[in-house]
Structures are given as C-alpha cells and as structure tokens.
N, C-alpha and C. Protein backbone atom coordinates (compact mmCIF):
# COMPACT_ATOMS: atom_id res chain seq x y z
N MET A 1 5.41 -62.30 6.29
CA MET A 1 5.66 -61.75 4.97
C MET A 1 6.56 -62.71 4.20
N LYS A 2 6.21 -62.92 2.95
CA LYS A 2 6.99 -63.80 2.08
C LYS A 2 8.27 -63.11 1.63
N THR A 3 9.21 -63.91 1.16
CA THR A 3 10.48 -63.37 0.67
C THR A 3 10.31 -62.76 -0.71
N SER A 4 11.03 -61.68 -0.94
CA SER A 4 11.12 -61.06 -2.27
C SER A 4 12.44 -61.47 -2.90
N PHE A 5 12.50 -61.45 -4.23
CA PHE A 5 13.70 -61.87 -4.94
C PHE A 5 14.09 -60.82 -5.96
N LEU A 6 15.36 -60.41 -5.92
CA LEU A 6 15.91 -59.48 -6.89
C LEU A 6 16.90 -60.24 -7.76
N PHE A 7 16.72 -60.13 -9.08
CA PHE A 7 17.48 -60.95 -10.02
C PHE A 7 18.68 -60.22 -10.60
N LEU A 8 19.82 -60.91 -10.59
CA LEU A 8 21.06 -60.35 -11.10
C LEU A 8 21.53 -61.11 -12.32
N ALA A 9 21.81 -60.37 -13.38
CA ALA A 9 22.40 -60.93 -14.60
C ALA A 9 23.65 -60.12 -14.90
N GLU A 10 24.58 -60.70 -15.63
CA GLU A 10 25.78 -59.96 -16.01
C GLU A 10 25.38 -58.64 -16.67
N GLY A 11 25.98 -57.54 -16.19
CA GLY A 11 25.69 -56.23 -16.74
C GLY A 11 24.53 -55.51 -16.08
N PHE A 12 24.13 -55.94 -14.87
CA PHE A 12 23.04 -55.26 -14.16
C PHE A 12 23.49 -53.86 -13.72
N GLU A 13 22.53 -52.97 -13.53
CA GLU A 13 22.81 -51.62 -13.05
C GLU A 13 22.97 -51.67 -11.54
N GLU A 14 24.19 -51.46 -11.07
CA GLU A 14 24.52 -51.66 -9.67
C GLU A 14 23.71 -50.77 -8.73
N ILE A 15 23.58 -49.49 -9.05
CA ILE A 15 22.89 -48.57 -8.14
C ILE A 15 21.42 -48.96 -7.97
N GLU A 16 20.81 -49.48 -9.01
CA GLU A 16 19.40 -49.88 -8.93
C GLU A 16 19.25 -51.15 -8.09
N ALA A 17 20.08 -52.14 -8.34
CA ALA A 17 19.98 -53.40 -7.60
C ALA A 17 20.30 -53.21 -6.13
N LEU A 18 21.42 -52.57 -5.85
CA LEU A 18 21.87 -52.47 -4.46
C LEU A 18 21.03 -51.50 -3.65
N THR A 19 20.52 -50.45 -4.27
CA THR A 19 19.63 -49.53 -3.55
C THR A 19 18.36 -50.27 -3.13
N ALA A 20 17.79 -51.04 -4.03
CA ALA A 20 16.56 -51.78 -3.69
C ALA A 20 16.80 -52.76 -2.55
N VAL A 21 17.88 -53.53 -2.63
CA VAL A 21 18.17 -54.51 -1.57
C VAL A 21 18.40 -53.80 -0.24
N ASP A 22 19.21 -52.75 -0.26
CA ASP A 22 19.52 -52.00 0.96
C ASP A 22 18.25 -51.45 1.61
N VAL A 23 17.43 -50.76 0.83
CA VAL A 23 16.24 -50.11 1.38
C VAL A 23 15.24 -51.14 1.89
N LEU A 24 15.02 -52.22 1.15
CA LEU A 24 14.09 -53.24 1.62
C LEU A 24 14.57 -53.88 2.91
N ARG A 25 15.86 -54.15 3.01
CA ARG A 25 16.37 -54.75 4.24
C ARG A 25 16.28 -53.78 5.41
N ARG A 26 16.50 -52.48 5.18
CA ARG A 26 16.33 -51.48 6.24
C ARG A 26 14.89 -51.51 6.76
N ALA A 27 13.94 -51.77 5.85
CA ALA A 27 12.53 -51.79 6.22
C ALA A 27 12.10 -53.12 6.84
N GLY A 28 13.01 -54.09 6.87
CA GLY A 28 12.68 -55.40 7.43
C GLY A 28 11.95 -56.31 6.46
N ILE A 29 12.00 -55.98 5.18
CA ILE A 29 11.37 -56.83 4.16
C ILE A 29 12.39 -57.88 3.72
N PRO A 30 12.07 -59.16 3.88
CA PRO A 30 13.03 -60.20 3.48
C PRO A 30 13.23 -60.18 1.96
N VAL A 31 14.48 -60.01 1.54
CA VAL A 31 14.80 -59.99 0.11
C VAL A 31 16.10 -60.74 -0.12
N LYS A 32 16.11 -61.56 -1.14
CA LYS A 32 17.30 -62.33 -1.53
C LYS A 32 17.68 -61.95 -2.95
N THR A 33 18.99 -61.85 -3.20
CA THR A 33 19.48 -61.63 -4.55
C THR A 33 19.70 -62.99 -5.20
N VAL A 34 19.33 -63.08 -6.47
CA VAL A 34 19.38 -64.36 -7.19
C VAL A 34 20.17 -64.18 -8.48
N SER A 35 21.24 -64.95 -8.62
CA SER A 35 22.02 -64.94 -9.85
C SER A 35 21.35 -65.86 -10.87
N ILE A 36 21.16 -65.36 -12.09
CA ILE A 36 20.63 -66.23 -13.15
C ILE A 36 21.77 -66.92 -13.89
N THR A 37 23.01 -66.67 -13.46
CA THR A 37 24.16 -67.32 -14.08
C THR A 37 24.49 -68.59 -13.30
N SER A 38 25.57 -69.24 -13.65
CA SER A 38 25.99 -70.46 -12.94
C SER A 38 26.88 -70.14 -11.75
N SER A 39 27.11 -68.84 -11.48
CA SER A 39 27.98 -68.41 -10.40
C SER A 39 27.26 -67.43 -9.49
N LEU A 40 27.60 -67.46 -8.19
CA LEU A 40 27.06 -66.47 -7.27
C LEU A 40 27.66 -65.09 -7.52
N GLN A 41 28.85 -65.05 -8.12
CA GLN A 41 29.53 -63.78 -8.41
C GLN A 41 28.98 -63.22 -9.73
N VAL A 42 28.38 -62.04 -9.67
CA VAL A 42 27.78 -61.43 -10.87
C VAL A 42 28.37 -60.04 -11.05
N LYS A 43 28.90 -59.78 -12.24
CA LYS A 43 29.53 -58.49 -12.52
C LYS A 43 28.53 -57.52 -13.12
N GLY A 44 28.48 -56.33 -12.53
CA GLY A 44 27.55 -55.31 -12.98
C GLY A 44 28.05 -54.54 -14.19
N ALA A 45 27.23 -53.63 -14.66
CA ALA A 45 27.51 -52.84 -15.86
C ALA A 45 28.73 -51.94 -15.71
N HIS A 46 29.09 -51.60 -14.47
CA HIS A 46 30.22 -50.70 -14.23
C HIS A 46 31.37 -51.39 -13.53
N GLY A 47 31.43 -52.71 -13.71
CA GLY A 47 32.57 -53.48 -13.22
C GLY A 47 32.53 -53.84 -11.75
N ILE A 48 31.42 -53.62 -11.07
CA ILE A 48 31.30 -53.99 -9.66
C ILE A 48 30.74 -55.41 -9.58
N THR A 49 31.48 -56.30 -8.94
CA THR A 49 31.04 -57.68 -8.79
C THR A 49 30.33 -57.85 -7.45
N VAL A 50 29.16 -58.45 -7.50
CA VAL A 50 28.33 -58.66 -6.32
C VAL A 50 28.16 -60.16 -6.10
N ALA A 51 28.21 -60.58 -4.85
CA ALA A 51 27.96 -61.98 -4.51
C ALA A 51 26.47 -62.15 -4.23
N ALA A 52 25.79 -62.84 -5.11
CA ALA A 52 24.36 -63.10 -4.92
C ALA A 52 24.14 -64.06 -3.76
N ASP A 53 22.94 -64.00 -3.18
CA ASP A 53 22.59 -64.92 -2.10
C ASP A 53 22.31 -66.32 -2.62
N LEU A 54 21.72 -66.41 -3.81
CA LEU A 54 21.22 -67.67 -4.33
C LEU A 54 21.50 -67.81 -5.82
N LEU A 55 21.53 -69.06 -6.29
CA LEU A 55 21.54 -69.35 -7.72
C LEU A 55 20.11 -69.67 -8.15
N TYR A 56 19.70 -69.18 -9.30
CA TYR A 56 18.34 -69.40 -9.78
C TYR A 56 17.99 -70.88 -9.78
N ASP A 57 18.88 -71.70 -10.33
CA ASP A 57 18.59 -73.13 -10.48
C ASP A 57 18.43 -73.85 -9.16
N ASN A 58 18.91 -73.26 -8.06
CA ASN A 58 18.82 -73.91 -6.75
C ASN A 58 17.78 -73.27 -5.84
N THR A 59 16.93 -72.43 -6.40
CA THR A 59 15.99 -71.65 -5.58
C THR A 59 14.56 -72.08 -5.81
N LEU A 60 13.84 -72.24 -4.71
CA LEU A 60 12.40 -72.53 -4.75
C LEU A 60 11.68 -71.21 -4.56
N PHE A 61 10.94 -70.77 -5.55
CA PHE A 61 10.21 -69.51 -5.49
C PHE A 61 8.79 -69.81 -5.04
N ASP A 62 8.60 -69.82 -3.71
CA ASP A 62 7.31 -70.18 -3.13
C ASP A 62 6.52 -68.91 -2.81
N ALA A 63 5.63 -68.54 -3.71
CA ALA A 63 4.75 -67.38 -3.53
C ALA A 63 5.52 -66.14 -3.09
N PRO A 64 6.44 -65.64 -3.92
CA PRO A 64 7.24 -64.47 -3.54
C PRO A 64 6.37 -63.23 -3.31
N GLU A 65 6.85 -62.37 -2.42
CA GLU A 65 6.20 -61.08 -2.20
C GLU A 65 6.40 -60.19 -3.45
N TRP A 66 7.67 -60.05 -3.87
CA TRP A 66 8.03 -59.26 -5.05
C TRP A 66 9.04 -60.02 -5.89
N LEU A 67 8.94 -59.86 -7.21
CA LEU A 67 10.01 -60.20 -8.14
C LEU A 67 10.56 -58.84 -8.58
N ILE A 68 11.87 -58.64 -8.43
CA ILE A 68 12.45 -57.31 -8.66
C ILE A 68 13.54 -57.40 -9.72
N PHE A 69 13.43 -56.52 -10.73
CA PHE A 69 14.35 -56.55 -11.86
C PHE A 69 15.05 -55.21 -12.04
N PRO A 70 16.38 -55.16 -11.73
CA PRO A 70 17.13 -53.95 -12.03
C PRO A 70 17.37 -53.85 -13.53
N GLY A 71 17.70 -52.66 -13.98
CA GLY A 71 18.00 -52.47 -15.40
C GLY A 71 19.48 -52.59 -15.67
N GLY A 72 19.98 -51.72 -16.53
CA GLY A 72 21.37 -51.79 -16.95
C GLY A 72 21.50 -52.61 -18.23
N LEU A 73 22.52 -52.30 -18.97
CA LEU A 73 22.81 -53.06 -20.19
C LEU A 73 24.22 -53.61 -20.12
N PRO A 74 24.38 -54.87 -20.43
CA PRO A 74 23.39 -55.77 -21.02
C PRO A 74 22.55 -56.54 -20.00
N GLY A 75 22.56 -56.10 -18.74
CA GLY A 75 21.84 -56.84 -17.70
C GLY A 75 20.38 -57.10 -18.00
N ALA A 76 19.64 -56.06 -18.38
CA ALA A 76 18.21 -56.24 -18.67
C ALA A 76 18.00 -57.14 -19.88
N GLU A 77 18.88 -57.05 -20.87
CA GLU A 77 18.80 -57.96 -22.03
C GLU A 77 19.03 -59.40 -21.60
N ASN A 78 20.00 -59.61 -20.71
CA ASN A 78 20.28 -60.97 -20.23
C ASN A 78 19.12 -61.52 -19.41
N LEU A 79 18.49 -60.67 -18.59
CA LEU A 79 17.30 -61.12 -17.86
C LEU A 79 16.18 -61.47 -18.84
N SER A 80 16.00 -60.64 -19.85
CA SER A 80 14.96 -60.87 -20.85
C SER A 80 15.15 -62.18 -21.59
N ASP A 81 16.41 -62.50 -21.87
CA ASP A 81 16.72 -63.72 -22.63
C ASP A 81 16.68 -64.98 -21.79
N PHE A 82 16.57 -64.85 -20.48
CA PHE A 82 16.58 -66.00 -19.57
C PHE A 82 15.16 -66.56 -19.47
N ALA A 83 14.86 -67.53 -20.30
CA ALA A 83 13.49 -68.06 -20.46
C ALA A 83 12.82 -68.50 -19.16
N PRO A 84 13.53 -69.12 -18.20
CA PRO A 84 12.83 -69.53 -16.97
C PRO A 84 12.14 -68.38 -16.24
N LEU A 85 12.64 -67.16 -16.40
CA LEU A 85 11.98 -66.03 -15.74
C LEU A 85 10.58 -65.77 -16.29
N HIS A 86 10.36 -66.08 -17.55
CA HIS A 86 9.05 -65.82 -18.16
C HIS A 86 7.94 -66.58 -17.42
N GLY A 87 8.18 -67.83 -17.14
CA GLY A 87 7.19 -68.63 -16.41
C GLY A 87 7.00 -68.14 -14.99
N LEU A 88 8.09 -67.70 -14.36
CA LEU A 88 8.00 -67.18 -12.99
C LEU A 88 7.19 -65.89 -12.97
N ILE A 89 7.41 -65.03 -13.95
CA ILE A 89 6.65 -63.78 -14.04
C ILE A 89 5.16 -64.08 -14.26
N GLU A 90 4.87 -65.02 -15.14
CA GLU A 90 3.47 -65.41 -15.39
C GLU A 90 2.81 -65.91 -14.11
N SER A 91 3.52 -66.74 -13.34
CA SER A 91 2.98 -67.25 -12.08
C SER A 91 2.73 -66.12 -11.09
N GLN A 92 3.66 -65.17 -11.04
CA GLN A 92 3.51 -64.03 -10.13
C GLN A 92 2.31 -63.19 -10.52
N MET A 93 2.09 -63.02 -11.81
CA MET A 93 0.94 -62.24 -12.28
C MET A 93 -0.38 -62.91 -11.90
N LYS A 94 -0.40 -64.23 -11.85
CA LYS A 94 -1.61 -64.98 -11.51
C LYS A 94 -1.80 -65.14 -10.01
N SER A 95 -0.74 -64.86 -9.24
CA SER A 95 -0.81 -65.06 -7.79
C SER A 95 -1.79 -64.08 -7.16
N LYS A 96 -2.22 -64.40 -5.97
CA LYS A 96 -3.21 -63.56 -5.29
C LYS A 96 -2.63 -62.20 -4.90
N SER A 97 -1.41 -62.20 -4.38
CA SER A 97 -0.88 -60.93 -3.86
C SER A 97 0.52 -60.57 -4.35
N GLY A 98 1.19 -61.44 -5.08
CA GLY A 98 2.56 -61.17 -5.51
C GLY A 98 2.66 -59.97 -6.44
N ARG A 99 3.76 -59.22 -6.33
CA ARG A 99 3.97 -58.02 -7.12
C ARG A 99 5.26 -58.13 -7.92
N ILE A 100 5.43 -57.21 -8.88
CA ILE A 100 6.60 -57.20 -9.76
C ILE A 100 7.11 -55.77 -9.87
N ALA A 101 8.41 -55.57 -9.65
CA ALA A 101 9.02 -54.25 -9.76
C ALA A 101 10.16 -54.31 -10.77
N ALA A 102 10.25 -53.28 -11.61
CA ALA A 102 11.32 -53.22 -12.62
C ALA A 102 11.69 -51.76 -12.84
N ILE A 103 12.95 -51.53 -13.17
CA ILE A 103 13.46 -50.17 -13.32
C ILE A 103 14.36 -50.06 -14.54
N CYS A 104 14.44 -48.87 -15.11
CA CYS A 104 15.37 -48.53 -16.19
C CYS A 104 14.96 -49.25 -17.48
N ALA A 105 15.82 -50.06 -18.04
CA ALA A 105 15.48 -50.80 -19.26
C ALA A 105 14.64 -52.04 -18.96
N ALA A 106 14.62 -52.49 -17.71
CA ALA A 106 13.92 -53.74 -17.37
C ALA A 106 12.41 -53.70 -17.61
N PRO A 107 11.69 -52.60 -17.31
CA PRO A 107 10.26 -52.62 -17.63
C PRO A 107 10.01 -52.92 -19.11
N ALA A 108 10.84 -52.36 -19.98
CA ALA A 108 10.66 -52.56 -21.42
C ALA A 108 11.17 -53.93 -21.88
N LEU A 109 12.39 -54.27 -21.48
CA LEU A 109 13.02 -55.49 -22.01
C LEU A 109 12.57 -56.77 -21.31
N VAL A 110 12.46 -56.73 -19.99
CA VAL A 110 12.10 -57.94 -19.24
C VAL A 110 10.59 -58.17 -19.25
N LEU A 111 9.82 -57.07 -19.15
CA LEU A 111 8.37 -57.20 -19.06
C LEU A 111 7.64 -56.82 -20.35
N GLY A 112 7.88 -55.62 -20.84
CA GLY A 112 7.11 -55.08 -21.95
C GLY A 112 7.19 -55.85 -23.24
N GLN A 113 8.40 -56.16 -23.68
CA GLN A 113 8.52 -56.82 -24.99
C GLN A 113 7.98 -58.25 -24.98
N HIS A 114 7.72 -58.79 -23.79
CA HIS A 114 7.12 -60.13 -23.70
C HIS A 114 5.62 -60.05 -23.44
N GLY A 115 5.07 -58.83 -23.46
CA GLY A 115 3.63 -58.66 -23.33
C GLY A 115 3.09 -58.66 -21.92
N PHE A 116 3.95 -58.67 -20.91
CA PHE A 116 3.48 -58.73 -19.53
C PHE A 116 2.82 -57.43 -19.06
N LEU A 117 3.12 -56.33 -19.72
CA LEU A 117 2.56 -55.03 -19.30
C LEU A 117 1.37 -54.59 -20.14
N LYS A 118 0.83 -55.48 -20.93
CA LYS A 118 -0.29 -55.13 -21.80
C LYS A 118 -1.45 -54.56 -20.97
N GLY A 119 -1.90 -53.37 -21.39
CA GLY A 119 -3.02 -52.72 -20.71
C GLY A 119 -2.64 -51.97 -19.44
N MET A 120 -1.35 -51.95 -19.10
CA MET A 120 -0.90 -51.30 -17.87
C MET A 120 -0.23 -49.97 -18.19
N ARG A 121 -0.21 -49.07 -17.22
CA ARG A 121 0.60 -47.86 -17.31
C ARG A 121 1.98 -48.21 -16.79
N ALA A 122 3.03 -47.74 -17.47
CA ALA A 122 4.39 -48.08 -17.06
C ALA A 122 5.36 -47.01 -17.52
N THR A 123 6.50 -46.96 -16.87
CA THR A 123 7.59 -46.08 -17.29
C THR A 123 8.84 -46.92 -17.48
N CYS A 124 9.81 -46.36 -18.20
CA CYS A 124 11.07 -47.05 -18.44
C CYS A 124 12.13 -46.02 -18.82
N TYR A 125 13.33 -46.48 -19.05
CA TYR A 125 14.41 -45.58 -19.47
C TYR A 125 14.03 -44.96 -20.82
N PRO A 126 14.17 -43.64 -20.96
CA PRO A 126 13.80 -42.99 -22.22
C PRO A 126 14.47 -43.63 -23.43
N GLY A 127 13.67 -43.85 -24.47
CA GLY A 127 14.16 -44.48 -25.69
C GLY A 127 13.77 -45.94 -25.80
N PHE A 128 13.28 -46.53 -24.70
CA PHE A 128 12.87 -47.94 -24.71
C PHE A 128 11.35 -48.09 -24.76
N GLU A 129 10.62 -46.99 -24.86
CA GLU A 129 9.15 -47.04 -24.80
C GLU A 129 8.52 -47.95 -25.85
N GLU A 130 9.13 -48.06 -27.02
CA GLU A 130 8.55 -48.90 -28.07
C GLU A 130 8.51 -50.38 -27.68
N LYS A 131 9.30 -50.76 -26.69
CA LYS A 131 9.31 -52.15 -26.22
C LYS A 131 8.20 -52.41 -25.20
N LEU A 132 7.51 -51.36 -24.76
CA LEU A 132 6.41 -51.53 -23.80
C LEU A 132 5.14 -51.94 -24.56
N LYS A 133 5.19 -53.10 -25.18
CA LYS A 133 4.10 -53.56 -26.06
C LYS A 133 2.75 -53.62 -25.33
N GLY A 134 1.81 -52.83 -25.85
CA GLY A 134 0.46 -52.85 -25.30
C GLY A 134 0.29 -52.06 -24.03
N ALA A 135 1.38 -51.46 -23.52
CA ALA A 135 1.29 -50.66 -22.29
C ALA A 135 1.10 -49.20 -22.66
N ALA A 136 0.74 -48.40 -21.67
CA ALA A 136 0.60 -46.95 -21.84
C ALA A 136 1.81 -46.30 -21.19
N PRO A 137 2.82 -45.91 -21.99
CA PRO A 137 4.03 -45.30 -21.43
C PRO A 137 3.72 -43.99 -20.71
N GLN A 138 4.34 -43.82 -19.56
CA GLN A 138 4.14 -42.62 -18.74
C GLN A 138 5.46 -41.87 -18.59
N ALA A 139 5.41 -40.57 -18.70
CA ALA A 139 6.60 -39.74 -18.50
C ALA A 139 6.69 -39.38 -17.02
N ALA A 140 6.97 -40.38 -16.21
CA ALA A 140 7.03 -40.21 -14.76
C ALA A 140 8.19 -41.04 -14.22
N PRO A 141 8.78 -40.63 -13.10
CA PRO A 141 9.90 -41.39 -12.56
C PRO A 141 9.51 -42.77 -12.03
N VAL A 142 8.35 -42.87 -11.38
CA VAL A 142 7.88 -44.13 -10.81
C VAL A 142 6.39 -44.26 -11.10
N VAL A 143 5.96 -45.42 -11.55
CA VAL A 143 4.55 -45.65 -11.88
C VAL A 143 4.10 -46.97 -11.26
N SER A 144 2.97 -46.94 -10.57
CA SER A 144 2.38 -48.14 -10.00
C SER A 144 1.05 -48.40 -10.70
N ASP A 145 0.86 -49.62 -11.19
CA ASP A 145 -0.40 -50.00 -11.81
C ASP A 145 -0.59 -51.50 -11.65
N GLY A 146 -1.68 -51.86 -11.00
CA GLY A 146 -1.95 -53.28 -10.77
C GLY A 146 -0.84 -53.93 -9.96
N LYS A 147 -0.31 -55.02 -10.49
CA LYS A 147 0.77 -55.75 -9.81
C LYS A 147 2.15 -55.18 -10.08
N PHE A 148 2.23 -54.13 -10.91
CA PHE A 148 3.52 -53.65 -11.39
C PHE A 148 3.92 -52.30 -10.80
N LEU A 149 5.21 -52.19 -10.49
CA LEU A 149 5.80 -50.93 -10.05
C LEU A 149 7.04 -50.71 -10.92
N THR A 150 7.00 -49.70 -11.78
CA THR A 150 8.10 -49.46 -12.70
C THR A 150 8.73 -48.10 -12.43
N ALA A 151 10.00 -47.98 -12.81
CA ALA A 151 10.72 -46.71 -12.64
C ALA A 151 11.63 -46.51 -13.83
N ASN A 152 12.07 -45.24 -14.02
CA ASN A 152 12.73 -44.91 -15.28
C ASN A 152 14.25 -44.90 -15.30
N GLY A 153 14.94 -45.02 -14.18
CA GLY A 153 16.39 -45.05 -14.30
C GLY A 153 17.15 -44.88 -13.00
N PRO A 154 18.48 -44.87 -13.09
CA PRO A 154 19.32 -44.86 -11.90
C PRO A 154 19.00 -43.75 -10.90
N ALA A 155 18.69 -42.56 -11.38
CA ALA A 155 18.43 -41.44 -10.46
C ALA A 155 17.17 -41.65 -9.63
N THR A 156 16.30 -42.53 -10.06
CA THR A 156 15.06 -42.77 -9.32
C THR A 156 15.12 -44.05 -8.49
N ALA A 157 16.30 -44.65 -8.38
CA ALA A 157 16.43 -45.92 -7.65
C ALA A 157 15.94 -45.81 -6.20
N MET A 158 16.26 -44.70 -5.53
CA MET A 158 15.82 -44.54 -4.14
C MET A 158 14.31 -44.38 -4.05
N GLU A 159 13.74 -43.55 -4.91
CA GLU A 159 12.29 -43.34 -4.90
C GLU A 159 11.56 -44.66 -5.21
N TRP A 160 12.09 -45.41 -6.18
CA TRP A 160 11.52 -46.71 -6.55
C TRP A 160 11.57 -47.69 -5.38
N ALA A 161 12.74 -47.77 -4.74
CA ALA A 161 12.89 -48.69 -3.60
C ALA A 161 11.95 -48.31 -2.46
N LEU A 162 11.84 -47.02 -2.18
CA LEU A 162 10.92 -46.58 -1.13
C LEU A 162 9.47 -46.84 -1.51
N ALA A 163 9.16 -46.78 -2.81
CA ALA A 163 7.80 -47.11 -3.27
C ALA A 163 7.50 -48.59 -3.04
N ILE A 164 8.49 -49.44 -3.24
CA ILE A 164 8.31 -50.87 -2.94
C ILE A 164 7.98 -51.05 -1.46
N VAL A 165 8.74 -50.36 -0.61
CA VAL A 165 8.47 -50.43 0.84
C VAL A 165 7.07 -49.91 1.14
N GLY A 166 6.72 -48.76 0.56
CA GLY A 166 5.40 -48.18 0.80
C GLY A 166 4.26 -49.08 0.37
N GLU A 167 4.43 -49.72 -0.77
CA GLU A 167 3.35 -50.59 -1.26
C GLU A 167 3.31 -51.92 -0.52
N THR A 168 4.38 -52.24 0.20
CA THR A 168 4.42 -53.48 0.99
C THR A 168 3.94 -53.25 2.41
N LEU A 169 4.46 -52.19 3.04
CA LEU A 169 4.22 -51.96 4.46
C LEU A 169 3.35 -50.74 4.77
N GLY A 170 3.20 -49.85 3.79
CA GLY A 170 2.42 -48.63 4.01
C GLY A 170 3.31 -47.40 4.02
N LYS A 171 2.65 -46.23 4.00
CA LYS A 171 3.35 -44.95 3.90
C LYS A 171 4.23 -44.65 5.11
N GLN A 172 3.73 -44.89 6.31
CA GLN A 172 4.49 -44.53 7.50
C GLN A 172 5.82 -45.28 7.58
N PRO A 173 5.85 -46.61 7.41
CA PRO A 173 7.15 -47.30 7.43
C PRO A 173 8.10 -46.82 6.32
N ALA A 174 7.55 -46.52 5.15
CA ALA A 174 8.40 -46.00 4.06
C ALA A 174 8.97 -44.65 4.44
N ASP A 175 8.14 -43.78 5.03
CA ASP A 175 8.60 -42.46 5.47
C ASP A 175 9.67 -42.58 6.55
N GLU A 176 9.51 -43.55 7.45
CA GLU A 176 10.50 -43.75 8.52
C GLU A 176 11.84 -44.20 7.96
N VAL A 177 11.82 -45.11 6.99
CA VAL A 177 13.06 -45.57 6.36
C VAL A 177 13.70 -44.39 5.63
N ALA A 178 12.91 -43.61 4.91
CA ALA A 178 13.42 -42.46 4.18
C ALA A 178 14.06 -41.46 5.14
N ALA A 179 13.38 -41.17 6.24
CA ALA A 179 13.91 -40.21 7.21
C ALA A 179 15.21 -40.70 7.82
N GLY A 180 15.30 -41.99 8.07
CA GLY A 180 16.52 -42.56 8.64
C GLY A 180 17.72 -42.43 7.72
N MET A 181 17.45 -42.28 6.44
CA MET A 181 18.53 -42.09 5.46
C MET A 181 18.67 -40.62 5.06
N LEU A 182 17.96 -39.74 5.77
CA LEU A 182 17.96 -38.30 5.47
C LEU A 182 17.45 -38.00 4.08
N CYS A 183 16.48 -38.78 3.66
CA CYS A 183 15.86 -38.61 2.34
C CYS A 183 14.52 -37.92 2.54
N TYR A 184 14.53 -36.60 2.50
CA TYR A 184 13.32 -35.83 2.71
C TYR A 184 12.90 -35.21 1.39
N PRO A 185 11.67 -35.44 0.95
CA PRO A 185 11.26 -34.93 -0.35
C PRO A 185 11.32 -33.42 -0.51
N SER A 186 11.11 -32.67 0.57
CA SER A 186 11.08 -31.21 0.43
C SER A 186 12.37 -30.54 0.91
N ALA A 187 13.39 -31.32 1.25
CA ALA A 187 14.63 -30.74 1.77
C ALA A 187 15.37 -29.99 0.66
N PRO A 188 15.95 -28.84 1.01
CA PRO A 188 16.75 -28.11 0.01
C PRO A 188 18.04 -28.86 -0.29
N ARG A 189 18.59 -28.62 -1.46
CA ARG A 189 19.87 -29.23 -1.82
C ARG A 189 20.97 -28.65 -0.93
N PRO A 190 21.89 -29.49 -0.43
CA PRO A 190 22.98 -28.97 0.40
C PRO A 190 24.02 -28.20 -0.42
N PHE A 191 23.96 -28.30 -1.73
CA PHE A 191 24.90 -27.58 -2.59
C PHE A 191 24.24 -27.36 -3.93
N GLU A 192 24.76 -26.46 -4.68
CA GLU A 192 24.26 -26.18 -6.02
C GLU A 192 25.34 -26.54 -7.02
N PHE A 193 24.94 -27.05 -8.17
CA PHE A 193 25.90 -27.39 -9.22
C PHE A 193 26.44 -26.11 -9.85
N GLY A 194 27.79 -26.10 -10.13
CA GLY A 194 28.57 -25.06 -10.77
C GLY A 194 27.82 -23.98 -11.37
C-alpha cells in the first residue's frame, strides 16, 4: 500500500487532522503529515501546535494512496492558496487508484472553488456550498463519489476517518478499528445533555 499524505497549513482544524492520522495509523495505513509552510511546527485554528512529519518542498509524492485535507479557518484558505497543491491534486485525479479526502471548509475551498469537484456529489461545512463549483452539494455528513470522500465538519471527523479506512481496506477492517475505539453506530449515549 502506498503512503497517504495529510496536509497542514496554519489554522488547520486540529480535531479533523489528528483524528484522520490517528485512525489511519490504527488501521495500519501509512500516512504522513506534510507542512506546507517552511517549518515542521504548524499551529492549528485553536492554538495547538503540531510537528509535521515532512515539509512539502522536501517531499516526493510518488503515487499517493490518499491526499487528505483538513478544514478549519484560515487553514483551508491557506491550503487553497498554496498553488503547488493544485498540480498535485490534478495528478491524483488522473492517477489510476489515488483518492482525495477533504472535510469541513476544505471540500469547498481546496477542491470546489478550483473546479476539482465538477460533476461530483460532495458535502462541506454549511455556508460554503456556493464554493462547490459545478458539484452537487449533499446535506450529508460524509459523501463518497468517484475519487473523492468529503465530510461536513468537526463532529464527523471520526466517521470520515473510518470511511477512509473502509474505502482503503474494506468494511471489516474499518469496523474492527471502530470497535477498538468503542465507536459503535447503534450504541446508546452514556449520558444525556442537560
């Protein structure tokens, strides 16, 4: 299995990025975090600094399994403005098996407004749908269409990450990872809100 890459820009949504990395690594899917800045230290939208594995400028992207884009503001805007990603996304779209995952504002800002989702069904953080140029916005937490797997926000980070595992390894391995984290779809809530 090829390596997947998750991209970090200043202002990324921490729960989305770290949930994806954690869940993929639990499943045995090789994933590296990549800073698009000049530093391995990248500060998230809520002040959490993460040490990326790699710097974009020093990384060879050889037929990646997944390109993964967390949302957050201004993180998704910074990813969108980083021109080298556009060519990488185009190459991934043309690849035989490579996939692309984005969550929150990233489906709209990183993919949609640049036309990468044209003709696809996709979801994003509510209020960003107009940036899904040429796509068919879906009112769903996670949407898979073609090479793309999109999700709508922080609360769906776990479901999105498990969907990446499921689409890479199959339903049984995804279910096993979910069960190991006590993530059961039909389990009752352990508490009720006020």
